[in-house]
């Protein structure tokens, strides 16, 4: 992973190796783009989505902070942007992706908030829910005894 992070600036400028015309013919394959004006622009668009997506994914899997689930929101945004960049039938790119990310946000944000509340209660305010539950259970048992 460290190598990927180290070469990420070079990966970002990888689009400069693509030809500035619509057809790319090699010994192994022929590639033609009709949606983008040239392969150079297509590569620039796709690589501008892939490199940040790669870095965010590495960050998500290596992050040790309690809020790492929040990183899923920009990851989902870049995935949707990448899919809309590849899909030739989409007329407007990077305009309505936020509406598709709302369900992800509706799941991630409450989870992060609940985790934050539990951490703040336990470590900042010194409230241990397990200890409170044990005390309540002992109180109920004491109350039920004649």
Foldseek 3Di string as FASTA:
>chain_A
DVVLVVCLVVLLPPLVVFDFQQWDDDPVDIGGDDLDRHSSVLSNQLSVLPSVLVVLVVCLVPPPDLLSLVSVLVNQLSVQQNVLSPDSPDDDGPDPSVVVSVVVCVPSVVVSVVSVVVCCVCPVVVDDVVVVVVVVVVVVVVVPDD
